[in-house]
Amino acid sequence: MQFYDGAVISTIEEEEEEQQTEASTPKSASIEATEITTSGNGNGNGNGQGLNNFTNIPSTKNTSLGIPMHPVPEIEIAELTKIIENAHRYLQIAFAEDLYLYCQANNINFAELRDSLNTKWNVNVLEPREGIGGHCLPKDTKMFLNSSRSIKSRILEAAIQTDETYRTHRGTKEITQHECAASANYLTKTMCQNVRS
């Protein structure tokens, strides 16, 4: 059986369990279909009970590695789920970067604003750091952006531009700090030499 849990497509333990099950199950009783699953409960009502809308498999607490699973009808849905989850995270980080740039341009304390915003139950503004990095978020966001045959996501295109602007801003700030540190070292050496002379 193949599972999709947001990080792992299948595990060795599951494969071993399958082999043991296949060995003990008569061929006429075996199921040859592959079940692809993703996080959730499958019935759309969020309570984890009832039948899955796609496969009529009871959607009660199917788990892999303790993670709730949700059967989906096609591997494309499982794969899209992964890349869209990462594109969504990319958007969240880009929003935080954009808000940070707004605060910098308008002399507003970003940390105070963020803390205030995050007091609402359904708001979670992230803390921007060095820009959106890692392997999965940029790759999967671009993959999703290029996956459509007819339309492009303008919001993802804007998020990519926002990240580039934020990185440029951070790079300029870091260069300025580096130059200041180099200047301070130069001044210190010069002052020490002048005192000795």
Protein backbone atom coordinates (compact mmCIF):
# COMPACT_ATOMS: atom_id res chain seq x y z
CA MET A 1 0.00 0.00 0.00
CA GLN A 2 1.34 3.42 -0.86
CA PHE A 3 0.70 6.40 1.41
CA TYR A 4 1.30 10.07 1.04
CA ASP A 5 1.65 11.89 4.35
CA GLY A 6 3.17 15.19 3.27
CA ALA A 7 6.74 13.94 3.59
CA VAL A 8 6.95 10.21 2.93
CA ILE A 9 5.48 8.32 -0.01
CA SER A 10 6.01 4.90 1.55
CA THR A 11 8.05 3.28 4.30
CA ILE A 12 10.01 0.07 4.56
CA GLU A 13 7.83 -1.08 7.47
CA GLU A 14 4.71 -0.69 5.32
CA GLU A 15 6.33 -2.63 2.49
CA GLU A 16 7.29 -5.43 4.87
CA GLU A 17 3.74 -5.52 6.26
CA GLU A 18 2.40 -5.72 2.70
CA GLN A 19 4.70 -8.60 1.84
CA GLN A 20 3.61 -10.47 4.97
CA THR A 21 -0.06 -9.80 4.20
CA GLU A 22 0.31 -10.88 0.56
CA ALA A 23 2.00 -14.10 1.65
CA SER A 24 -0.84 -14.96 4.06
CA THR A 25 -3.74 -13.78 1.87
CA PRO A 26 -5.15 -15.99 -0.88
CA LYS A 27 -4.67 -14.45 -4.33
CA SER A 28 -8.43 -14.19 -4.90
CA ALA A 29 -8.81 -11.99 -1.81
CA SER A 30 -5.93 -9.62 -2.55
CA ILE A 31 -6.56 -6.08 -3.71
CA GLU A 32 -4.42 -5.00 -6.62
CA ALA A 33 -5.28 -1.30 -6.51
CA THR A 34 -2.84 1.16 -4.99
CA GLU A 35 -4.27 3.49 -2.38
CA ILE A 36 -2.88 7.01 -2.50
CA THR A 37 -3.64 9.04 0.58
CA THR A 38 -3.04 12.53 1.88
CA SER A 39 -3.68 14.33 5.18
CA GLY A 40 -7.31 14.86 6.17
CA ASN A 41 -10.38 12.75 6.72
CA GLY A 42 -11.82 12.54 3.22
CA ASN A 43 -15.42 13.43 3.86
CA GLY A 44 -15.11 17.21 3.82
CA ASN A 45 -16.85 17.72 7.13
CA GLY A 46 -13.75 17.59 9.33
CA ASN A 47 -15.00 15.00 11.82
CA GLY A 48 -13.07 11.95 10.57
CA GLN A 49 -16.17 9.77 10.21
CA GLY A 50 -18.18 8.48 7.27
CA LEU A 51 -17.10 7.36 3.82
CA ASN A 52 -14.50 8.90 1.59
CA ASN A 53 -16.20 10.73 -1.30
CA PHE A 54 -13.85 9.23 -3.89
CA THR A 55 -13.26 5.62 -2.93
CA ASN A 56 -16.10 4.67 -0.56
CA ILE A 57 -13.43 3.57 1.89
CA PRO A 58 -14.33 4.32 5.50
CA SER A 59 -12.26 7.38 6.39
CA THR A 60 -11.87 6.60 10.07
CA LYS A 61 -8.37 7.27 11.32
CA ASN A 62 -6.29 5.74 8.50
CA THR A 63 -2.77 6.47 9.76
CA SER A 64 0.83 6.06 8.75
CA LEU A 65 3.50 6.86 11.31
CA GLY A 66 0.69 8.24 13.50
CA ILE A 67 -0.33 10.83 10.88
CA PRO A 68 -4.02 10.88 9.80
CA MET A 69 -4.38 9.89 6.16
CA HIS A 70 -6.95 10.67 3.50
CA PRO A 71 -7.42 8.49 0.39
CA VAL A 72 -7.46 10.34 -2.93
CA PRO A 73 -8.47 8.93 -6.32
CA GLU A 74 -5.39 9.86 -8.36
CA ILE A 75 -1.67 10.28 -7.79
CA GLU A 76 -1.90 13.74 -9.41
CA ILE A 77 -4.03 14.93 -6.49
CA ALA A 78 -1.51 13.57 -3.98
CA GLU A 79 1.40 15.24 -5.80
CA LEU A 80 -0.50 18.52 -6.26
CA THR A 81 -1.33 18.44 -2.56
CA LYS A 82 2.36 18.42 -1.70
CA ILE A 83 3.39 21.22 -4.05
CA ILE A 84 0.36 23.39 -3.20
CA GLU A 85 1.04 22.99 0.54
CA ASN A 86 4.57 24.31 -0.09
CA ALA A 87 3.32 27.10 -2.38
CA HIS A 88 0.92 28.16 0.38
CA ARG A 89 3.79 28.28 2.87
CA TYR A 90 5.79 30.31 0.35
CA LEU A 91 2.90 32.81 0.19
CA GLN A 92 2.78 33.06 3.98
CA ILE A 93 6.50 33.84 4.19
CA ALA A 94 6.33 36.29 1.27
CA PHE A 95 3.47 38.12 3.01
CA ALA A 96 5.61 38.46 6.14
CA GLU A 97 8.51 39.76 4.01
CA ASP A 98 6.21 42.27 2.29
CA LEU A 99 4.86 43.45 5.63
CA TYR A 100 8.42 43.81 6.93
CA LEU A 101 9.35 45.97 3.91
CA TYR A 102 6.21 48.06 4.48
CA CYS A 103 7.22 48.61 8.11
CA GLN A 104 10.76 49.56 7.14
CA ALA A 105 9.49 52.10 4.58
CA ASN A 106 7.05 53.64 7.06
CA ASN A 107 9.17 53.58 10.23
CA ILE A 108 6.92 51.07 12.00
CA ASN A 109 8.23 48.50 14.46
CA PHE A 110 7.61 45.22 12.64
CA ALA A 111 8.03 43.02 15.74
CA GLU A 112 5.43 45.01 17.68
CA LEU A 113 3.00 44.99 14.75
CA ARG A 114 3.48 41.25 14.21
CA ASP A 115 2.90 40.50 17.90
CA SER A 116 -0.26 42.57 17.83
CA LEU A 117 -1.56 40.92 14.65
CA ASN A 118 -0.91 37.43 15.98
CA THR A 119 -3.25 37.95 18.94
CA LYS A 120 -6.21 37.19 16.67
CA TRP A 121 -7.15 33.51 16.65
CA ASN A 122 -6.97 33.08 12.86
CA VAL A 123 -3.87 35.19 12.13
CA ASN A 124 -0.31 33.89 12.17
CA VAL A 125 2.10 36.32 10.52
CA LEU A 126 5.47 34.61 10.26
CA GLU A 127 8.86 36.12 11.01
CA PRO A 128 10.82 36.84 7.84
CA ARG A 129 14.45 35.80 7.99
CA GLU A 130 17.03 35.60 5.20
CA GLY A 131 14.46 35.07 2.47
CA ILE A 132 12.59 32.01 1.32
CA GLY A 133 15.09 29.22 1.07
CA GLY A 134 15.52 25.53 1.42
CA HIS A 135 14.96 23.05 -1.33
CA CYS A 136 11.22 22.38 -1.39
CA LEU A 137 9.46 25.74 -1.07
CA PRO A 138 11.04 27.55 -4.06
CA LYS A 139 11.08 24.42 -6.24
CA ASP A 140 7.51 23.37 -5.51
CA THR A 141 6.17 26.92 -5.85
CA LYS A 142 7.74 27.27 -9.30
CA MET A 143 6.54 23.78 -10.22
CA PHE A 144 2.97 24.69 -9.29
CA LEU A 145 3.25 28.03 -11.09
CA ASN A 146 4.32 26.25 -14.27
CA SER A 147 1.93 23.29 -13.96
CA SER A 148 -1.15 24.99 -15.37
CA ARG A 149 -1.86 24.64 -19.06
CA SER A 150 -3.75 27.90 -19.36
CA ILE A 151 -3.44 30.26 -16.39
CA LYS A 152 -0.60 31.43 -14.16
CA SER A 153 -1.05 32.31 -10.53
CA ARG A 154 -0.49 36.06 -10.30
CA ILE A 155 -0.33 35.90 -6.53
CA LEU A 156 2.54 33.38 -6.65
CA GLU A 157 4.35 35.48 -9.26
CA ALA A 158 3.99 38.48 -6.92
CA ALA A 159 5.23 36.38 -3.98
CA ILE A 160 8.37 35.42 -5.93
CA GLN A 161 8.98 39.10 -6.77
CA THR A 162 8.40 40.07 -3.13
CA ASP A 163 10.99 37.53 -1.98
CA GLU A 164 13.51 38.87 -4.51
CA THR A 165 12.88 42.46 -3.32
CA TYR A 166 13.20 41.37 0.32
CA ARG A 167 16.46 39.52 -0.39
CA THR A 168 17.83 42.60 -2.17
CA HIS A 169 16.86 44.77 0.81
CA ARG A 170 18.49 42.35 3.27
CA GLY A 171 21.57 42.06 1.06
CA THR A 172 21.96 45.84 0.92
CA LYS A 173 21.52 46.05 4.68
CA GLU A 174 24.10 43.30 5.27
CA ILE A 175 26.59 44.92 2.89
CA THR A 176 26.10 48.24 4.66
CA GLN A 177 26.72 46.60 8.05
CA HIS A 178 29.78 44.80 6.65
CA GLU A 179 31.13 48.06 5.22
CA CYS A 180 30.53 49.77 8.56
CA ALA A 181 32.40 47.02 10.37
CA ALA A 182 35.28 47.26 7.89
CA SER A 183 35.32 51.05 8.28
CA ALA A 184 35.31 50.72 12.06
CA ASN A 185 38.26 48.31 11.89
CA TYR A 186 40.13 50.70 9.58
CA LEU A 187 39.44 53.67 11.88
CA THR A 188 40.53 51.69 14.93
CA LYS A 189 43.80 50.67 13.26
CA THR A 190 44.41 54.23 12.06
CA MET A 191 43.70 55.71 15.50
CA CYS A 192 46.01 53.16 17.15
CA GLN A 193 48.78 53.96 14.69
CA ASN A 194 48.32 57.71 15.28
CA VAL A 195 48.51 57.24 19.07
CA ARG A 196 51.72 55.22 18.74
CA SER A 197 53.35 57.82 16.48
